[in-house]
C-alpha atoms as a PDB file:
ATOM      1  CA  MET A   1      -2.823 -10.025  -2.592  1.00  0.00           C
ATOM      2  CA  GLU A   2       0.879 -11.058  -3.409  1.00  0.00           C
ATOM      3  CA  PHE A   3       3.213  -9.462  -6.573  1.00  0.00           C
ATOM      4  CA  ILE A   4       6.131 -10.353  -7.908  1.00  0.00           C
ATOM      5  CA  MET A   5       8.299  -6.565  -8.247  1.00  0.00           C
ATOM      6  CA  ARG A   6      10.936  -5.590  -9.943  1.00  0.00           C
ATOM      7  CA  CYS A   7      13.158  -3.594  -7.678  1.00  0.00           C
ATOM      8  CA  SER A   8      14.746  -4.190  -4.159  1.00  0.00           C
ATOM      9  CA  PRO A   9      13.120  -4.132  -1.089  1.00  0.00           C
ATOM     10  CA  GLU A  10      14.784  -0.603  -0.028  1.00  0.00           C
ATOM     11  CA  ILE A  11      13.940   1.216  -3.081  1.00  0.00           C
ATOM     12  CA  LEU A  12       9.900  -0.758  -2.788  1.00  0.00           C
ATOM     13  CA  TYR A  13      10.430   0.432   0.866  1.00  0.00           C
ATOM     14  CA  ARG A  14      10.008   4.194  -0.006  1.00  0.00           C
ATOM     15  CA  TYR A  15       6.965   4.202  -2.751  1.00  0.00           C
ATOM     16  CA  PHE A  16       4.534   3.332   0.633  1.00  0.00           C
ATOM     17  CA  LEU A  17       5.432   6.928   2.319  1.00  0.00           C
ATOM     18  CA  GLN A  18       6.666   9.585   0.627  1.00  0.00           C
ATOM     19  CA  PRO A  19       3.379  11.512  -1.183  1.00  0.00           C
ATOM     20  CA  ALA A  20       5.529  12.635  -3.739  1.00  0.00           C
ATOM     21  CA  ILE A  21       5.530   9.228  -4.579  1.00  0.00           C
ATOM     22  CA  LEU A  22       2.047   7.870  -3.560  1.00  0.00           C
ATOM     23  CA  VAL A  23      -0.179  10.563  -5.249  1.00  0.00           C
ATOM     24  CA  ARG A  24       1.647   9.225  -8.742  1.00  0.00           C
ATOM     25  CA  TRP A  25       0.388   5.285  -8.473  1.00  0.00           C
ATOM     26  CA  PHE A  26      -1.807   5.161  -4.833  1.00  0.00           C
ATOM     27  CA  CYS A  27      -4.194   8.146  -4.043  1.00  0.00           C
ATOM     28  CA  ASP A  28      -5.092  11.678  -5.745  1.00  0.00           C
ATOM     29  CA  SER A  29      -3.337  13.383  -2.702  1.00  0.00           C
ATOM     30  CA  VAL A  30      -2.116  12.589   0.990  1.00  0.00           C
ATOM     31  CA  ASP A  31      -1.328  15.118   4.081  1.00  0.00           C
ATOM     32  CA  ILE A  32       0.490  13.125   6.431  1.00  0.00           C
ATOM     33  CA  SER A  33       1.250  14.930  10.076  1.00  0.00           C
ATOM     34  CA  GLY A  34       3.432  12.596  11.962  1.00  0.00           C
ATOM     35  CA  ASP A  35       2.195   8.926  11.509  1.00  0.00           C
ATOM     36  CA  VAL A  36      -1.708   9.997  10.732  1.00  0.00           C
ATOM     37  CA  PHE A  37      -2.161   9.537   6.798  1.00  0.00           C
ATOM     38  CA  THR A  38      -5.207  11.426   5.545  1.00  0.00           C
ATOM     39  CA  PHE A  39      -5.982  10.167   1.362  1.00  0.00           C
ATOM     40  CA  GLU A  40      -7.666  11.486  -1.584  1.00  0.00           C
ATOM     41  CA  TRP A  41      -9.859   9.935  -4.038  1.00  0.00           C
ATOM     42  CA  SER A  42     -11.919  11.720  -5.981  1.00  0.00           C
ATOM     43  CA  GLY A  43     -12.851  14.145  -3.356  1.00  0.00           C
ATOM     44  CA  SER A  44     -13.401  11.339  -0.646  1.00  0.00           C
ATOM     45  CA  GLU A  45     -10.505  10.888   1.943  1.00  0.00           C
ATOM     46  CA  GLU A  46      -9.697   8.048   4.537  1.00  0.00           C
ATOM     47  CA  VAL A  47      -7.359   8.559   7.397  1.00  0.00           C
ATOM     48  CA  ALA A  48      -4.874   5.673   8.410  1.00  0.00           C
ATOM     49  CA  ARG A  49      -2.502   6.110  10.800  1.00  0.00           C
ATOM     50  CA  LEU A  50       0.384   3.896  10.347  1.00  0.00           C
ATOM     51  CA  VAL A  51       0.797   2.304  13.415  1.00  0.00           C
ATOM     52  CA  GLU A  52       3.737  -0.246  12.460  1.00  0.00           C
ATOM     53  CA  SER A  53       6.901   0.646  10.221  1.00  0.00           C
ATOM     54  CA  VAL A  54       9.737  -2.114   9.953  1.00  0.00           C
ATOM     55  CA  GLU A  55      12.329  -0.254   7.527  1.00  0.00           C
ATOM     56  CA  ASN A  56      12.189  -2.507   4.222  1.00  0.00           C
ATOM     57  CA  GLU A  57      10.163  -5.077   5.161  1.00  0.00           C
ATOM     58  CA  ARG A  58       6.420  -4.207   6.122  1.00  0.00           C
ATOM     59  CA  LEU A  59       4.108  -1.312   7.025  1.00  0.00           C
ATOM     60  CA  ARG A  60       0.790  -1.443   8.569  1.00  0.00           C
ATOM     61  CA  PHE A  61      -1.570   1.797   8.729  1.00  0.00           C
ATOM     62  CA  GLU A  62      -5.178   1.419  10.743  1.00  0.00           C
ATOM     63  CA  TRP A  63      -7.895   3.279   9.378  1.00  0.00           C
ATOM     64  CA  LEU A  64      -9.383   5.345  11.759  1.00  0.00           C
ATOM     65  CA  ASP A  65     -12.512   5.308  10.312  1.00  0.00           C
ATOM     66  CA  ASP A  66     -15.260   4.042  13.668  1.00  0.00           C
ATOM     67  CA  GLU A  67     -17.176   1.492  10.554  1.00  0.00           C
ATOM     68  CA  ARG A  68     -13.335   0.513  10.111  1.00  0.00           C
ATOM     69  CA  GLU A  69     -12.311  -0.314  13.746  1.00  0.00           C
ATOM     70  CA  GLY A  70     -10.091  -3.425  13.115  1.00  0.00           C
ATOM     71  CA  GLU A  71      -9.325  -2.943   9.975  1.00  0.00           C
ATOM     72  CA  TYR A  72      -5.693  -1.871   8.273  1.00  0.00           C
ATOM     73  CA  LEU A  73      -3.830  -2.091   5.579  1.00  0.00           C
ATOM     74  CA  GLU A  74      -0.372  -3.464   5.348  1.00  0.00           C
ATOM     75  CA  TYR A  75       2.187  -4.346   2.908  1.00  0.00           C
ATOM     76  CA  ARG A  76       4.434  -6.925   3.201  1.00  0.00           C
ATOM     77  CA  ILE A  77       8.161  -6.840   1.395  1.00  0.00           C
ATOM     78  CA  SER A  78      10.378  -9.790   1.622  1.00  0.00           C
ATOM     79  CA  LYS A  79      13.332 -11.607  -0.719  1.00  0.00           C
ATOM     80  CA  SER A  80      12.076 -15.175  -2.050  1.00  0.00           C
ATOM     81  CA  PRO A  81      15.378 -17.683  -1.273  1.00  0.00           C
ATOM     82  CA  ILE A  82      14.524 -19.367  -4.036  1.00  0.00           C
ATOM     83  CA  THR A  83      14.857 -16.874  -6.507  1.00  0.00           C
ATOM     84  CA  GLY A  84      15.802 -13.771  -5.039  1.00  0.00           C
ATOM     85  CA  GLU A  85      12.451 -11.688  -6.253  1.00  0.00           C
ATOM     86  CA  THR A  86      11.149  -9.035  -4.276  1.00  0.00           C
ATOM     87  CA  ILE A  87       7.669  -9.669  -3.047  1.00  0.00           C
ATOM     88  CA  LEU A  88       5.033  -7.617  -1.549  1.00  0.00           C
ATOM     89  CA  GLU A  89       2.696  -9.159   0.001  1.00  0.00           C
ATOM     90  CA  ILE A  90      -0.783  -6.902   0.836  1.00  0.00           C
ATOM     91  CA  THR A  91      -3.475  -7.053   3.239  1.00  0.00           C
ATOM     92  CA  ASP A  92      -6.514  -5.191   3.061  1.00  0.00           C
ATOM     93  CA  PHE A  93      -9.857  -5.450   3.747  1.00  0.00           C
ATOM     94  CA  CYS A  94     -13.414  -5.316   2.195  1.00  0.00           C
ATOM     95  CA  ASP A  95     -16.557  -7.059   1.761  1.00  0.00           C
ATOM     96  CA  GLU A  96     -17.640 -10.690   0.539  1.00  0.00           C
ATOM     97  CA  ASP A  97     -19.302  -9.354  -2.492  1.00  0.00           C
ATOM     98  CA  GLU A  98     -16.220  -6.902  -2.912  1.00  0.00           C
ATOM     99  CA  VAL A  99     -13.474  -9.527  -3.142  1.00  0.00           C
ATOM    100  CA  ASP A 100     -13.227  -9.618  -6.896  1.00  0.00           C
ATOM    101  CA  ASP A 101     -13.380  -6.018  -7.123  1.00  0.00           C
ATOM    102  CA  THR A 102     -11.101  -5.167  -4.721  1.00  0.00           C
ATOM    103  CA  ARG A 103      -8.657  -8.025  -6.432  1.00  0.00           C
ATOM    104  CA  GLN A 104      -8.866  -5.256  -9.965  1.00  0.00           C
ATOM    105  CA  LEU A 105      -8.302  -2.272  -7.793  1.00  0.00           C
ATOM    106  CA  TRP A 106      -4.985  -3.901  -6.412  1.00  0.00           C
ATOM    107  CA  GLU A 107      -3.756  -5.177  -9.669  1.00  0.00           C
ATOM    108  CA  SER A 108      -4.408  -1.362 -11.199  1.00  0.00           C
ATOM    109  CA  GLN A 109      -2.640  -0.384  -8.524  1.00  0.00           C
ATOM    110  CA  ILE A 110       0.447  -2.105  -8.686  1.00  0.00           C
ATOM    111  CA  ASP A 111       0.657  -2.000 -12.334  1.00  0.00           C
ATOM    112  CA  ALA A 112       0.208   1.778 -11.812  1.00  0.00           C
ATOM    113  CA  LEU A 113       3.106   1.518  -9.021  1.00  0.00           C
ATOM    114  CA  ARG A 114       5.376  -1.291 -11.554  1.00  0.00           C
ATOM    115  CA  LYS A 115       5.138   2.213 -14.205  1.00  0.00           C
ATOM    116  CA  VAL A 116       6.345   4.501 -11.407  1.00  0.00           C
ATOM    117  CA  ILE A 117       9.078   2.623 -10.242  1.00  0.00           C
ATOM    118  CA  GLY A 118      10.171   1.726 -14.337  1.00  0.00           C
ATOM    119  CA  ALA A 119       9.821  -2.127 -13.505  1.00  0.00           C
END
């Protein structure tokens, strides 16, 4: 999914790594130990390793769950060469019957992120 964001890539990048900010838009709580992130939503935990981080450009989290082997969550940040707008591209995995729900969830999450950013 792609979203237009009204902030610079430098500002947006920080919102994916700082626990105090992540709990304002992405999850209920997060614990970070080195490159391992433990996210919690409504009492359910998901653990991911930050496997790629290119400052102000992209982050990739690989899920550490045997049932989700090979699945990851990736954020790519770029600037449109034509409009100069910041573009956030999200890659996430879900079952075929969950595509609409997952899309709605991300739209809701990004709305929350925009409110936190103030954009």
